[in-house]
Amino acid sequence: MKTLIIIPSRMSAKRLPGKPLLEINGLSIISHVFKKAEKSNIGEVIVAAEDQEIIDDVKRNGGNAILTSKNHKTGTDRIYEAFKLLKRNDIDYIMNVQGDEPDIDINDIKTLDMKMKSNQSKIGTLAANISSQDIYENENVVKVKIYEPFNKNSFPYAQNFMRVTKNKTNVLHHIGIYCYDVNALEKFISFDQSKNELQNKLEQLRALDNNININVALANKSPIGVDSKEDYLAIKKIMQYK
């Protein structure tokens, strides 16, 4: 079974415009992510971007990239367009790796791919244990509630995704990597954005609202997503000392 990794990227992020091309150790954030995805060695890696500057940067750093529309409402719409443009009939799973997490754990990418294939799941994602109590109240950190606690080999279903919660039972820090089987991705894209999705600004709720299960794998750690200048400076410091 073949997996294709597609990394959606755009320059126009509201909180930190131009972030894909911000540099850490002389390499752009998007190219760091690309190289991490490539090192996972689970399949071909493509960056799907709406900006030519991103395409040029990725290619200059040895990567592969494809130009997509500027009109997408979500990253999933962008990866689906890229997949259609590639005209590949040999792909079973498409993994959506976030373009703003340059410190993503390679083993977590491998774990998700392995669990998707061994369980023949429709959609899968990652979550990590919550280390700090204030995360439950921090609306910038997405949480996922699973139906039952993890054991060593489990791949439980997500019950809900939320930004703030007082109920801490079986709640983890959601990591925004998704793996879809091709049919599930096509089905997901065919649905209108749900009321729940729009209210919470969480596109994964569209799947749950349309009765598509999402499995959750336990990640080794929570990567730092670059959403603000503070995030960028924090992760830059961490990666410079590695």
C-alpha atoms as a PDB file:
ATOM      1  CA  MET A   1       0.000   0.000   0.000  1.00  0.00           C
ATOM      2  CA  LYS A   2       1.362   3.388  -1.050  1.00  0.00           C
ATOM      3  CA  THR A   3       1.249   6.623   0.942  1.00  0.00           C
ATOM      4  CA  LEU A   4       1.719  10.091  -0.551  1.00  0.00           C
ATOM      5  CA  ILE A   5       2.591  12.945   1.840  1.00  0.00           C
ATOM      6  CA  ILE A   6       1.205  16.349   0.831  1.00  0.00           C
ATOM      7  CA  ILE A   7       2.140  19.460   2.836  1.00  0.00           C
ATOM      8  CA  PRO A   8      -0.266  22.406   2.343  1.00  0.00           C
ATOM      9  CA  SER A   9       1.336  25.849   2.602  1.00  0.00           C
ATOM     10  CA  ARG A  10       0.486  29.516   2.010  1.00  0.00           C
ATOM     11  CA  MET A  11       2.053  32.897   2.699  1.00  0.00           C
ATOM     12  CA  SER A  12      -1.125  34.646   3.868  1.00  0.00           C
ATOM     13  CA  ALA A  13      -1.526  33.271   7.416  1.00  0.00           C
ATOM     14  CA  LYS A  14      -3.403  35.909   9.430  1.00  0.00           C
ATOM     15  CA  ARG A  15      -1.313  35.814  12.607  1.00  0.00           C
ATOM     16  CA  LEU A  16       2.121  35.502  10.987  1.00  0.00           C
ATOM     17  CA  PRO A  17       2.122  36.375   7.276  1.00  0.00           C
ATOM     18  CA  GLY A  18       5.000  34.883   5.288  1.00  0.00           C
ATOM     19  CA  LYS A  19       5.792  32.233   7.913  1.00  0.00           C
ATOM     20  CA  PRO A  20       6.629  29.347   5.495  1.00  0.00           C
ATOM     21  CA  LEU A  21       9.747  31.228   4.389  1.00  0.00           C
ATOM     22  CA  LEU A  22      10.962  32.320   7.831  1.00  0.00           C
ATOM     23  CA  GLU A  23      14.357  30.730   8.364  1.00  0.00           C
ATOM     24  CA  ILE A  24      15.767  28.515  11.096  1.00  0.00           C
ATOM     25  CA  ASN A  25      19.415  27.471  10.794  1.00  0.00           C
ATOM     26  CA  GLY A  26      19.524  28.900   7.262  1.00  0.00           C
ATOM     27  CA  LEU A  27      16.551  26.860   5.991  1.00  0.00           C
ATOM     28  CA  SER A  28      12.906  27.928   5.584  1.00  0.00           C
ATOM     29  CA  ILE A  29      10.240  26.447   7.873  1.00  0.00           C
ATOM     30  CA  ILE A  30       8.484  24.788   4.921  1.00  0.00           C
ATOM     31  CA  SER A  31      11.719  23.166   3.739  1.00  0.00           C
ATOM     32  CA  HIS A  32      12.446  21.892   7.269  1.00  0.00           C
ATOM     33  CA  VAL A  33       9.021  20.230   7.274  1.00  0.00           C
ATOM     34  CA  PHE A  34       9.559  18.803   3.794  1.00  0.00           C
ATOM     35  CA  LYS A  35      12.911  17.278   4.788  1.00  0.00           C
ATOM     36  CA  LYS A  36      11.437  15.777   7.991  1.00  0.00           C
ATOM     37  CA  ALA A  37       8.582  14.222   5.998  1.00  0.00           C
ATOM     38  CA  GLU A  38      11.073  12.838   3.503  1.00  0.00           C
ATOM     39  CA  LYS A  39      13.189  11.311   6.285  1.00  0.00           C
ATOM     40  CA  SER A  40      10.141   9.384   7.523  1.00  0.00           C
ATOM     41  CA  ASN A  41      10.641   7.323   4.366  1.00  0.00           C
ATOM     42  CA  ILE A  42       6.970   6.331   4.043  1.00  0.00           C
ATOM     43  CA  GLY A  43       6.440   7.687   0.528  1.00  0.00           C
ATOM     44  CA  GLU A  44       6.825  10.558  -1.901  1.00  0.00           C
ATOM     45  CA  VAL A  45       6.507  14.093  -0.473  1.00  0.00           C
ATOM     46  CA  ILE A  46       4.905  17.064  -2.272  1.00  0.00           C
ATOM     47  CA  VAL A  47       4.352  20.629  -1.038  1.00  0.00           C
ATOM     48  CA  ALA A  48       1.017  22.097  -2.233  1.00  0.00           C
ATOM     49  CA  ALA A  49       1.243  25.898  -2.178  1.00  0.00           C
ATOM     50  CA  GLU A  50      -0.714  28.872  -3.489  1.00  0.00           C
ATOM     51  CA  ASP A  51       2.396  31.056  -3.751  1.00  0.00           C
ATOM     52  CA  GLN A  52       5.189  30.784  -6.313  1.00  0.00           C
ATOM     53  CA  GLU A  53       7.760  31.908  -3.691  1.00  0.00           C
ATOM     54  CA  ILE A  54       7.067  28.753  -1.660  1.00  0.00           C
ATOM     55  CA  ILE A  55       7.333  26.542  -4.757  1.00  0.00           C
ATOM     56  CA  ASP A  56      10.672  28.160  -5.663  1.00  0.00           C
ATOM     57  CA  ASP A  57      12.057  27.779  -2.130  1.00  0.00           C
ATOM     58  CA  VAL A  58      11.099  24.106  -1.846  1.00  0.00           C
ATOM     59  CA  LYS A  59      12.564  23.272  -5.248  1.00  0.00           C
ATOM     60  CA  ARG A  60      15.751  25.211  -4.477  1.00  0.00           C
ATOM     61  CA  ASN A  61      16.143  23.038  -1.374  1.00  0.00           C
ATOM     62  CA  GLY A  62      15.728  19.786  -3.299  1.00  0.00           C
ATOM     63  CA  GLY A  63      12.000  19.285  -2.793  1.00  0.00           C
ATOM     64  CA  ASN A  64       8.981  18.792  -5.019  1.00  0.00           C
ATOM     65  CA  ALA A  65       6.094  21.287  -5.051  1.00  0.00           C
ATOM     66  CA  ILE A  66       2.915  22.017  -6.972  1.00  0.00           C
ATOM     67  CA  LEU A  67       1.005  25.304  -7.395  1.00  0.00           C
ATOM     68  CA  THR A  68      -2.634  25.264  -6.268  1.00  0.00           C
ATOM     69  CA  SER A  69      -5.558  27.704  -6.200  1.00  0.00           C
ATOM     70  CA  LYS A  70      -5.674  30.675  -3.805  1.00  0.00           C
ATOM     71  CA  ASN A  71      -9.375  30.066  -3.102  1.00  0.00           C
ATOM     72  CA  HIS A  72      -9.257  27.097  -0.731  1.00  0.00           C
ATOM     73  CA  LYS A  73     -11.100  27.355   2.580  1.00  0.00           C
ATOM     74  CA  THR A  74      -9.037  24.611   4.259  1.00  0.00           C
ATOM     75  CA  GLY A  75      -5.744  22.774   3.948  1.00  0.00           C
ATOM     76  CA  THR A  76      -7.625  19.579   3.095  1.00  0.00           C
ATOM     77  CA  ASP A  77      -9.159  21.238   0.039  1.00  0.00           C
ATOM     78  CA  ARG A  78      -5.648  22.234  -1.006  1.00  0.00           C
ATOM     79  CA  ILE A  79      -4.179  18.734  -0.653  1.00  0.00           C
ATOM     80  CA  TYR A  80      -7.095  17.264  -2.585  1.00  0.00           C
ATOM     81  CA  GLU A  81      -6.548  19.686  -5.481  1.00  0.00           C
ATOM     82  CA  ALA A  82      -2.833  18.798  -5.501  1.00  0.00           C
ATOM     83  CA  PHE A  83      -3.679  15.096  -5.533  1.00  0.00           C
ATOM     84  CA  LYS A  84      -6.026  15.568  -8.510  1.00  0.00           C
ATOM     85  CA  LEU A  85      -3.409  17.640 -10.376  1.00  0.00           C
ATOM     86  CA  LEU A  86      -0.843  14.874  -9.895  1.00  0.00           C
ATOM     87  CA  LYS A  87      -3.171  12.338 -11.598  1.00  0.00           C
ATOM     88  CA  ARG A  88      -1.863   9.434  -9.543  1.00  0.00           C
ATOM     89  CA  ASN A  89      -3.806   6.175  -9.580  1.00  0.00           C
ATOM     90  CA  ASP A  90      -1.301   4.177  -7.528  1.00  0.00           C
ATOM     91  CA  ILE A  91      -1.891   5.888  -4.165  1.00  0.00           C
ATOM     92  CA  ASP A  92      -3.857   4.288  -1.284  1.00  0.00           C
ATOM     93  CA  TYR A  93      -3.302   6.835   1.497  1.00  0.00           C
ATOM     94  CA  ILE A  94      -2.687  10.577   1.530  1.00  0.00           C
ATOM     95  CA  MET A  95      -1.043  12.111   4.582  1.00  0.00           C
ATOM     96  CA  ASN A  96      -1.560  15.811   5.290  1.00  0.00           C
ATOM     97  CA  VAL A  97       1.461  17.064   7.248  1.00  0.00           C
ATOM     98  CA  GLN A  98       1.221  20.625   8.588  1.00  0.00           C
ATOM     99  CA  GLY A  99       3.664  23.043   6.969  1.00  0.00           C
ATOM    100  CA  ASP A 100       4.284  25.018  10.192  1.00  0.00           C
ATOM    101  CA  GLU A 101       5.659  22.284  12.486  1.00  0.00           C
ATOM    102  CA  PRO A 102       9.386  22.050  11.637  1.00  0.00           C
ATOM    103  CA  ASP A 103      10.144  20.055  14.792  1.00  0.00           C
ATOM    104  CA  ILE A 104       7.660  17.248  14.011  1.00  0.00           C
ATOM    105  CA  ASP A 105       8.827  13.814  15.208  1.00  0.00           C
ATOM    106  CA  ILE A 106       9.667  11.539  12.254  1.00  0.00           C
ATOM    107  CA  ASN A 107       8.650   8.462  14.261  1.00  0.00           C
ATOM    108  CA  ASP A 108       5.173   9.919  14.825  1.00  0.00           C
ATOM    109  CA  ILE A 109       4.693  10.210  11.046  1.00  0.00           C
ATOM    110  CA  LYS A 110       5.776   6.556  10.706  1.00  0.00           C
ATOM    111  CA  THR A 111       3.456   5.437  13.526  1.00  0.00           C
ATOM    112  CA  LEU A 112       0.400   7.049  11.946  1.00  0.00           C
ATOM    113  CA  ASP A 113       1.170   5.500   8.557  1.00  0.00           C
ATOM    114  CA  MET A 114       1.679   2.049  10.074  1.00  0.00           C
ATOM    115  CA  LYS A 115      -1.517   2.184  12.150  1.00  0.00           C
ATOM    116  CA  MET A 116      -3.607   3.383   9.191  1.00  0.00           C
ATOM    117  CA  LYS A 117      -2.439   0.446   7.078  1.00  0.00           C
ATOM    118  CA  SER A 118      -2.641  -2.247   9.748  1.00  0.00           C
ATOM    119  CA  ASN A 119      -6.173  -1.155  10.770  1.00  0.00           C
ATOM    120  CA  GLN A 120      -7.364  -0.221   7.251  1.00  0.00           C
ATOM    121  CA  SER A 121      -8.684   3.023   8.713  1.00  0.00           C
ATOM    122  CA  LYS A 122     -10.514   5.744   6.809  1.00  0.00           C
ATOM    123  CA  ILE A 123      -9.042   8.796   8.582  1.00  0.00           C
ATOM    124  CA  GLY A 124      -6.355   8.887  11.253  1.00  0.00           C
ATOM    125  CA  THR A 125      -4.635  11.602  13.250  1.00  0.00           C
ATOM    126  CA  LEU A 126      -2.211  12.050  16.173  1.00  0.00           C
ATOM    127  CA  ALA A 127      -2.471  13.243  19.760  1.00  0.00           C
ATOM    128  CA  ALA A 128      -0.039  13.639  22.648  1.00  0.00           C
ATOM    129  CA  ASN A 129      -0.480  13.580  26.403  1.00  0.00           C
ATOM    130  CA  ILE A 130      -1.159  16.962  27.986  1.00  0.00           C
ATOM    131  CA  SER A 131       1.667  18.067  30.270  1.00  0.00           C
ATOM    132  CA  SER A 132       0.335  21.358  31.596  1.00  0.00           C
ATOM    133  CA  GLN A 133      -3.068  22.140  33.139  1.00  0.00           C
ATOM    134  CA  ASP A 134      -3.406  25.502  31.377  1.00  0.00           C
ATOM    135  CA  ILE A 135      -3.537  23.742  28.001  1.00  0.00           C
ATOM    136  CA  TYR A 136      -7.140  22.656  28.703  1.00  0.00           C
ATOM    137  CA  GLU A 137      -8.200  26.314  28.822  1.00  0.00           C
ATOM    138  CA  ASN A 138      -5.941  27.529  25.983  1.00  0.00           C
ATOM    139  CA  GLU A 139      -8.137  27.902  22.898  1.00  0.00           C
ATOM    140  CA  ASN A 140      -5.088  28.009  20.607  1.00  0.00           C
ATOM    141  CA  VAL A 141      -4.266  24.396  21.515  1.00  0.00           C
ATOM    142  CA  VAL A 142      -6.755  21.958  19.981  1.00  0.00           C
ATOM    143  CA  LYS A 143      -7.810  19.005  22.120  1.00  0.00           C
ATOM    144  CA  VAL A 144      -9.252  15.635  21.170  1.00  0.00           C
ATOM    145  CA  LYS A 145     -11.406  13.418  23.378  1.00  0.00           C
ATOM    146  CA  ILE A 146     -11.093   9.698  22.626  1.00  0.00           C
ATOM    147  CA  TYR A 147     -13.641   7.024  23.486  1.00  0.00           C
ATOM    148  CA  GLU A 148     -11.276   4.900  25.582  1.00  0.00           C
ATOM    149  CA  PRO A 149      -7.791   5.363  27.044  1.00  0.00           C
ATOM    150  CA  PHE A 150      -4.760   4.346  24.991  1.00  0.00           C
ATOM    151  CA  ASN A 151      -3.068   1.046  25.510  1.00  0.00           C
ATOM    152  CA  LYS A 152       0.186   0.118  23.801  1.00  0.00           C
ATOM    153  CA  ASN A 153      -1.265  -0.910  20.430  1.00  0.00           C
ATOM    154  CA  SER A 154      -4.635   0.842  20.345  1.00  0.00           C
ATOM    155  CA  PHE A 155      -5.931   3.222  17.675  1.00  0.00           C
ATOM    156  CA  PRO A 156      -9.145   4.507  19.317  1.00  0.00           C
ATOM    157  CA  TYR A 157     -11.823   6.650  17.708  1.00  0.00           C
ATOM    158  CA  ALA A 158     -12.101  10.371  18.393  1.00  0.00           C
ATOM    159  CA  GLN A 159     -15.316  11.312  20.173  1.00  0.00           C
ATOM    160  CA  ASN A 160     -14.894  15.072  19.753  1.00  0.00           C
ATOM    161  CA  PHE A 161     -12.419  17.881  19.063  1.00  0.00           C
ATOM    162  CA  MET A 162     -12.519  21.123  21.006  1.00  0.00           C
ATOM    163  CA  ARG A 163     -10.570  24.270  21.832  1.00  0.00           C
ATOM    164  CA  VAL A 164     -11.487  24.592  25.521  1.00  0.00           C
ATOM    165  CA  THR A 165     -12.677  21.867  27.885  1.00  0.00           C
ATOM    166  CA  LYS A 166     -13.347  21.361  31.594  1.00  0.00           C
ATOM    167  CA  ASN A 167     -13.734  17.589  31.239  1.00  0.00           C
ATOM    168  CA  LYS A 168     -10.191  16.149  31.217  1.00  0.00           C
ATOM    169  CA  THR A 169     -11.024  12.415  30.939  1.00  0.00           C
ATOM    170  CA  ASN A 170      -9.422  10.831  27.848  1.00  0.00           C
ATOM    171  CA  VAL A 171      -8.582  14.311  26.518  1.00  0.00           C
ATOM    172  CA  LEU A 172      -5.273  14.843  24.711  1.00  0.00           C
ATOM    173  CA  HIS A 173      -3.435  17.537  22.769  1.00  0.00           C
ATOM    174  CA  HIS A 174      -4.432  17.094  19.129  1.00  0.00           C
ATOM    175  CA  ILE A 175      -1.611  17.220  16.574  1.00  0.00           C
ATOM    176  CA  GLY A 176      -2.876  18.375  13.189  1.00  0.00           C
ATOM    177  CA  ILE A 177      -1.529  15.619  10.949  1.00  0.00           C
ATOM    178  CA  TYR A 178      -4.144  13.609   9.077  1.00  0.00           C
ATOM    179  CA  CYS A 179      -3.952  10.467   7.011  1.00  0.00           C
ATOM    180  CA  TYR A 180      -6.853   9.638   4.671  1.00  0.00           C
ATOM    181  CA  ASP A 181      -7.566   6.689   2.522  1.00  0.00           C
ATOM    182  CA  VAL A 182      -8.248   8.131  -0.947  1.00  0.00           C
ATOM    183  CA  ASN A 183     -12.000   7.335  -0.876  1.00  0.00           C
ATOM    184  CA  ALA A 184     -12.443   8.940   2.551  1.00  0.00           C
ATOM    185  CA  LEU A 185     -10.647  12.100   1.374  1.00  0.00           C
ATOM    186  CA  GLU A 186     -12.911  12.348  -1.687  1.00  0.00           C
ATOM    187  CA  LYS A 187     -15.977  11.835   0.501  1.00  0.00           C
ATOM    188  CA  PHE A 188     -14.790  14.436   3.044  1.00  0.00           C
ATOM    189  CA  ILE A 189     -14.207  17.042   0.327  1.00  0.00           C
ATOM    190  CA  SER A 190     -17.683  16.446  -1.137  1.00  0.00           C
ATOM    191  CA  PHE A 191     -19.408  17.650   2.079  1.00  0.00           C
ATOM    192  CA  ASP A 192     -20.175  21.309   2.757  1.00  0.00           C
ATOM    193  CA  GLN A 193     -18.445  22.862   5.745  1.00  0.00           C
ATOM    194  CA  SER A 194     -20.545  21.956   8.788  1.00  0.00           C
ATOM    195  CA  LYS A 195     -21.970  24.454  11.286  1.00  0.00           C
ATOM    196  CA  ASN A 196     -19.867  22.820  14.016  1.00  0.00           C
ATOM    197  CA  GLU A 197     -16.723  23.151  11.894  1.00  0.00           C
ATOM    198  CA  LEU A 198     -17.301  26.829  11.135  1.00  0.00           C
ATOM    199  CA  GLN A 199     -18.201  27.707  14.747  1.00  0.00           C
ATOM    200  CA  ASN A 200     -15.105  26.054  16.200  1.00  0.00           C
ATOM    201  CA  LYS A 201     -12.768  26.669  13.234  1.00  0.00           C
ATOM    202  CA  LEU A 202     -11.879  22.944  13.233  1.00  0.00           C
ATOM    203  CA  GLU A 203     -12.270  21.230   9.874  1.00  0.00           C
ATOM    204  CA  GLN A 204     -11.970  17.708  11.344  1.00  0.00           C
ATOM    205  CA  LEU A 205     -15.445  18.197  12.862  1.00  0.00           C
ATOM    206  CA  ARG A 206     -16.832  17.971   9.308  1.00  0.00           C
ATOM    207  CA  ALA A 207     -15.875  14.290   9.266  1.00  0.00           C
ATOM    208  CA  LEU A 208     -17.501  13.518  12.640  1.00  0.00           C
ATOM    209  CA  ASP A 209     -20.614  15.531  11.683  1.00  0.00           C
ATOM    210  CA  ASN A 210     -20.959  13.311   8.599  1.00  0.00           C
ATOM    211  CA  ASN A 211     -20.403  10.037  10.487  1.00  0.00           C
ATOM    212  CA  ILE A 212     -16.847   9.382   9.267  1.00  0.00           C
ATOM    213  CA  ASN A 213     -14.755   7.970  12.107  1.00  0.00           C
ATOM    214  CA  ILE A 214     -11.320   9.399  12.892  1.00  0.00           C
ATOM    215  CA  ASN A 215      -8.810   7.111  14.612  1.00  0.00           C
ATOM    216  CA  VAL A 216      -6.204   8.603  16.942  1.00  0.00           C
ATOM    217  CA  ALA A 217      -2.618   7.371  17.424  1.00  0.00           C
ATOM    218  CA  LEU A 218      -0.521   8.341  20.439  1.00  0.00           C
ATOM    219  CA  ALA A 219       2.418  10.590  19.501  1.00  0.00           C
ATOM    220  CA  ASN A 220       5.778  10.745  21.261  1.00  0.00           C
ATOM    221  CA  LYS A 221       5.552  14.496  21.760  1.00  0.00           C
ATOM    222  CA  SER A 222       3.649  17.675  20.918  1.00  0.00           C
ATOM    223  CA  PRO A 223       5.518  19.638  18.233  1.00  0.00           C
ATOM    224  CA  ILE A 224       5.456  23.430  18.483  1.00  0.00           C
ATOM    225  CA  GLY A 225       3.271  24.874  15.730  1.00  0.00           C
ATOM    226  CA  VAL A 226       4.447  28.262  14.441  1.00  0.00           C
ATOM    227  CA  ASP A 227       1.364  30.497  14.725  1.00  0.00           C
ATOM    228  CA  SER A 228       2.921  33.677  16.075  1.00  0.00           C
ATOM    229  CA  LYS A 229       6.227  35.541  16.202  1.00  0.00           C
ATOM    230  CA  GLU A 230       6.702  34.217  19.762  1.00  0.00           C
ATOM    231  CA  ASP A 231       6.275  30.618  18.527  1.00  0.00           C
ATOM    232  CA  TYR A 232       8.817  31.252  15.772  1.00  0.00           C
ATOM    233  CA  LEU A 233      11.401  32.682  18.167  1.00  0.00           C
ATOM    234  CA  ALA A 234      10.828  29.809  20.636  1.00  0.00           C
ATOM    235  CA  ILE A 235      11.236  27.031  18.096  1.00  0.00           C
ATOM    236  CA  LYS A 236      14.147  28.806  16.431  1.00  0.00           C
ATOM    237  CA  LYS A 237      15.949  28.783  19.788  1.00  0.00           C
ATOM    238  CA  ILE A 238      15.195  25.072  20.356  1.00  0.00           C
ATOM    239  CA  MET A 239      16.289  23.990  16.877  1.00  0.00           C
ATOM    240  CA  GLN A 240      19.447  26.106  16.928  1.00  0.00           C
ATOM    241  CA  TYR A 241      20.645  24.236  20.012  1.00  0.00           C
ATOM    242  CA  LYS A 242      19.960  20.764  18.580  1.00  0.00           C
END
